[in-house]
Amino acid sequence: MSQVTNSTRSGKRERLAGAAVRVLHEQGVEKTTLADIARAADVPVGNVYYYFKTKDQLIEAAIAAHGRRLESMIAALEQLPAPQDRLKALVHGWIEQRDVAAKYGCPTGTLASELDKRDDGLDRAIAQVMGELIDWMERQFAAMGRDDARELAVALMAAYQGISLLTNTFRDPALMATEGRRLERWIDSLA
């Protein structure tokens, strides 16, 4: 019985964290309420406080969920045979999300931008998640034999964040597709 109860608790907590990722991305940190997240997770609002005492705790859970999604994505990309293929698959994934980017921007980048305006340390937590992706990209460029792997990783992240912002600003998914294809050619040119 206690295993079922623990599983149910864990399931609701994970649902709330997943809903927080989605709602924070769609509405922004300041506009989002605990009730919004509870509604999106299909959890009674009173139950939210059992799992998360404050909105900041829910934001922390959303950041952790971003980290888990990144780990899962990297694990899938690692199945590809060559670092060049892995990087291009990453870019292709960004292209596939172009409609979401047009509507709301990059999920991690927009959260990082919003949290940077606060003075509570959550900005450092989301920066760590973004840093893990840059580190992974750096390892791919290094595996391609590039001495400038760190600079290339930062350039790729900057290109993605920039095109996410423009895609969102102009509400034009084609911008992400065009830049993504250019980034794939750029990666090929570095091999």
Protein backbone atom coordinates (compact mmCIF):
# COMPACT_ATOMS: atom_id res chain seq x y z
CA MET A 1 0.00 0.00 0.00
CA SER A 2 2.75 2.48 0.89
CA GLN A 3 4.45 1.73 -2.44
CA VAL A 4 1.30 2.75 -4.29
CA THR A 5 1.02 5.89 -2.17
CA ASN A 6 4.67 6.81 -2.82
CA SER A 7 4.19 6.14 -6.53
CA THR A 8 1.08 8.33 -6.60
CA ARG A 9 2.91 11.11 -4.77
CA SER A 10 5.85 10.85 -7.13
CA GLY A 11 3.49 10.86 -10.12
CA LYS A 12 1.70 14.00 -8.99
CA ARG A 13 4.97 15.73 -8.18
CA GLU A 14 6.33 14.87 -11.64
CA ARG A 15 3.07 15.99 -13.28
CA LEU A 16 3.28 19.29 -11.43
CA ALA A 17 6.93 19.77 -12.45
CA GLY A 18 6.12 18.96 -16.09
CA ALA A 19 3.15 21.31 -16.04
CA ALA A 20 5.37 24.00 -14.50
CA VAL A 21 7.83 23.66 -17.40
CA ARG A 22 5.03 24.08 -19.93
CA VAL A 23 3.07 26.85 -18.18
CA LEU A 24 6.15 28.88 -17.25
CA HIS A 25 7.25 28.69 -20.89
CA GLU A 26 3.86 29.70 -22.24
CA GLN A 27 2.93 32.39 -19.70
CA GLY A 28 6.22 33.47 -18.15
CA VAL A 29 7.34 33.36 -14.54
CA GLU A 30 5.60 36.48 -13.29
CA LYS A 31 2.19 35.76 -14.83
CA THR A 32 2.08 32.11 -13.77
CA THR A 33 0.30 31.19 -10.55
CA LEU A 34 0.31 27.96 -8.59
CA ALA A 35 -3.34 27.57 -9.62
CA ASP A 36 -2.35 27.74 -13.31
CA ILE A 37 0.16 24.95 -12.82
CA ALA A 38 -2.27 22.87 -10.76
CA ARG A 39 -4.90 23.20 -13.49
CA ALA A 40 -2.40 22.17 -16.20
CA ALA A 41 -1.31 19.16 -14.12
CA ASP A 42 -4.92 18.22 -13.30
CA VAL A 43 -4.13 18.38 -9.59
CA PRO A 44 -6.39 20.15 -7.08
CA VAL A 45 -4.78 23.48 -6.21
CA GLY A 46 -4.81 22.63 -2.49
CA ASN A 47 -2.68 19.56 -3.19
CA VAL A 48 0.08 21.65 -4.77
CA TYR A 49 1.13 22.88 -1.34
CA TYR A 50 1.69 19.29 -0.22
CA TYR A 51 4.45 18.99 -2.84
CA PHE A 52 5.63 22.58 -3.24
CA LYS A 53 5.28 25.24 -0.56
CA THR A 54 6.12 28.15 -2.87
CA LYS A 55 6.15 29.11 -6.51
CA ASP A 56 9.95 29.23 -6.32
CA GLN A 57 10.01 25.56 -5.32
CA LEU A 58 7.92 24.79 -8.39
CA ILE A 59 10.34 26.82 -10.52
CA GLU A 60 13.20 24.77 -9.05
CA ALA A 61 11.31 21.60 -9.98
CA ALA A 62 10.81 22.95 -13.50
CA ILE A 63 14.55 23.64 -13.77
CA ALA A 64 15.26 20.09 -12.61
CA ALA A 65 12.80 18.82 -15.25
CA HIS A 66 14.69 20.83 -17.90
CA GLY A 67 17.86 19.10 -16.70
CA ARG A 68 16.29 15.64 -16.93
CA ARG A 69 14.98 16.37 -20.43
CA LEU A 70 18.45 17.50 -21.46
CA GLU A 71 20.00 14.30 -20.06
CA SER A 72 17.46 12.22 -21.97
CA MET A 73 18.05 14.15 -25.19
CA ILE A 74 21.82 13.78 -24.86
CA ALA A 75 21.47 10.05 -24.20
CA ALA A 76 19.46 9.70 -27.42
CA LEU A 77 21.95 11.80 -29.40
CA GLU A 78 24.85 9.72 -28.07
CA GLN A 79 23.40 6.74 -29.93
CA LEU A 80 24.43 8.34 -33.22
CA PRO A 81 27.80 7.17 -34.55
CA ALA A 82 29.68 10.43 -35.13
CA PRO A 83 29.92 13.75 -33.28
CA GLN A 84 29.04 15.65 -36.45
CA ASP A 85 25.85 13.57 -36.75
CA ARG A 86 25.02 14.23 -33.09
CA LEU A 87 25.38 17.99 -33.46
CA LYS A 88 23.33 18.05 -36.65
CA ALA A 89 20.62 15.95 -34.97
CA LEU A 90 20.56 18.48 -32.13
CA VAL A 91 20.04 21.28 -34.64
CA HIS A 92 17.39 19.23 -36.44
CA GLY A 93 15.55 18.88 -33.11
CA TRP A 94 15.58 22.65 -32.76
CA ILE A 95 14.16 22.98 -36.27
CA GLU A 96 11.39 20.51 -35.39
CA GLN A 97 10.41 22.77 -32.46
CA ARG A 98 10.21 25.88 -34.65
CA ASP A 99 6.46 26.35 -34.17
CA VAL A 100 6.86 26.32 -30.39
CA ALA A 101 9.80 28.74 -30.67
CA ALA A 102 7.69 31.05 -32.84
CA LYS A 103 4.96 31.10 -30.22
CA TYR A 104 6.96 31.18 -26.97
CA GLY A 105 10.73 31.22 -27.66
CA CYS A 106 13.26 28.69 -26.39
CA PRO A 107 11.93 27.01 -23.22
CA THR A 108 15.26 27.14 -21.40
CA GLY A 109 16.46 30.44 -22.82
CA THR A 110 13.29 32.36 -22.01
CA LEU A 111 13.27 30.95 -18.47
CA ALA A 112 16.94 31.93 -18.06
CA SER A 113 16.20 35.44 -19.28
CA GLU A 114 13.29 35.86 -16.87
CA LEU A 115 15.11 34.42 -13.88
CA ASP A 116 18.10 36.67 -14.52
CA LYS A 117 15.96 39.63 -13.50
CA ARG A 118 15.44 38.17 -10.03
CA ASP A 119 17.86 38.07 -7.14
CA ASP A 120 17.21 34.61 -5.72
CA GLY A 121 19.85 32.34 -7.29
CA LEU A 122 17.45 30.48 -9.58
CA ASP A 123 19.19 32.12 -12.54
CA ARG A 124 22.35 30.16 -11.64
CA ALA A 125 20.42 26.89 -11.57
CA ILE A 126 19.05 27.33 -15.11
CA ALA A 127 22.46 28.57 -16.26
CA GLN A 128 23.89 25.26 -15.07
CA VAL A 129 21.44 23.37 -17.30
CA MET A 130 22.42 25.51 -20.29
CA GLY A 131 26.07 25.05 -19.37
CA GLU A 132 25.67 21.27 -19.50
CA LEU A 133 24.47 21.52 -23.09
CA ILE A 134 27.39 23.77 -24.02
CA ASP A 135 29.78 21.30 -22.35
CA TRP A 136 28.26 18.43 -24.34
CA MET A 137 28.55 20.40 -27.60
CA GLU A 138 32.16 21.19 -26.73
CA ARG A 139 32.90 17.47 -26.35
CA GLN A 140 31.37 16.83 -29.79
CA PHE A 141 33.49 19.52 -31.45
CA ALA A 142 36.59 18.20 -29.63
CA ALA A 143 35.80 14.70 -30.91
CA MET A 144 35.76 16.22 -34.41
CA GLY A 145 39.37 17.23 -33.76
CA ARG A 146 38.69 20.93 -33.19
CA ASP A 147 41.10 22.84 -30.94
CA ASP A 148 38.54 25.64 -30.70
CA ALA A 149 35.80 23.32 -29.44
CA ARG A 150 34.67 25.59 -26.58
CA GLU A 151 34.35 28.63 -28.82
CA LEU A 152 32.42 26.61 -31.40
CA ALA A 153 30.06 25.27 -28.71
CA VAL A 154 29.36 28.77 -27.45
CA ALA A 155 28.85 29.99 -31.01
CA LEU A 156 26.34 27.20 -31.71
CA MET A 157 24.43 27.95 -28.51
CA ALA A 158 24.48 31.68 -29.27
CA ALA A 159 23.21 31.06 -32.80
CA TYR A 160 20.36 28.94 -31.47
CA GLN A 161 19.38 31.39 -28.73
CA GLY A 162 19.54 34.27 -31.19
CA ILE A 163 17.40 32.57 -33.81
CA SER A 164 14.94 31.47 -31.11
CA LEU A 165 14.54 35.09 -30.09
CA LEU A 166 14.06 36.25 -33.68
CA THR A 167 11.71 33.38 -34.51
CA ASN A 168 9.61 34.35 -31.49
CA THR A 169 9.83 38.10 -32.08
CA PHE A 170 8.65 37.82 -35.68
CA ARG A 171 6.43 34.77 -35.01
CA ASP A 172 8.08 33.20 -38.06
CA PRO A 173 9.01 29.48 -37.81
CA ALA A 174 10.70 29.70 -41.22
CA LEU A 175 13.50 31.72 -39.64
CA MET A 176 14.40 28.77 -37.39
CA ALA A 177 14.29 26.36 -40.34
CA THR A 178 16.54 28.56 -42.48
CA GLU A 179 19.07 29.16 -39.70
CA GLY A 180 18.99 25.49 -38.74
CA ARG A 181 19.91 24.43 -42.26
CA ARG A 182 22.72 26.99 -42.25
CA LEU A 183 23.99 25.63 -38.93
CA GLU A 184 23.95 22.07 -40.32
CA ARG A 185 26.08 23.22 -43.27
CA TRP A 186 28.39 25.07 -40.85
CA ILE A 187 28.86 21.90 -38.79
CA ASP A 188 29.67 19.94 -41.97
CA SER A 189 32.24 22.59 -42.93
CA LEU A 190 34.08 22.11 -39.63
CA ALA A 191 34.68 18.39 -40.10
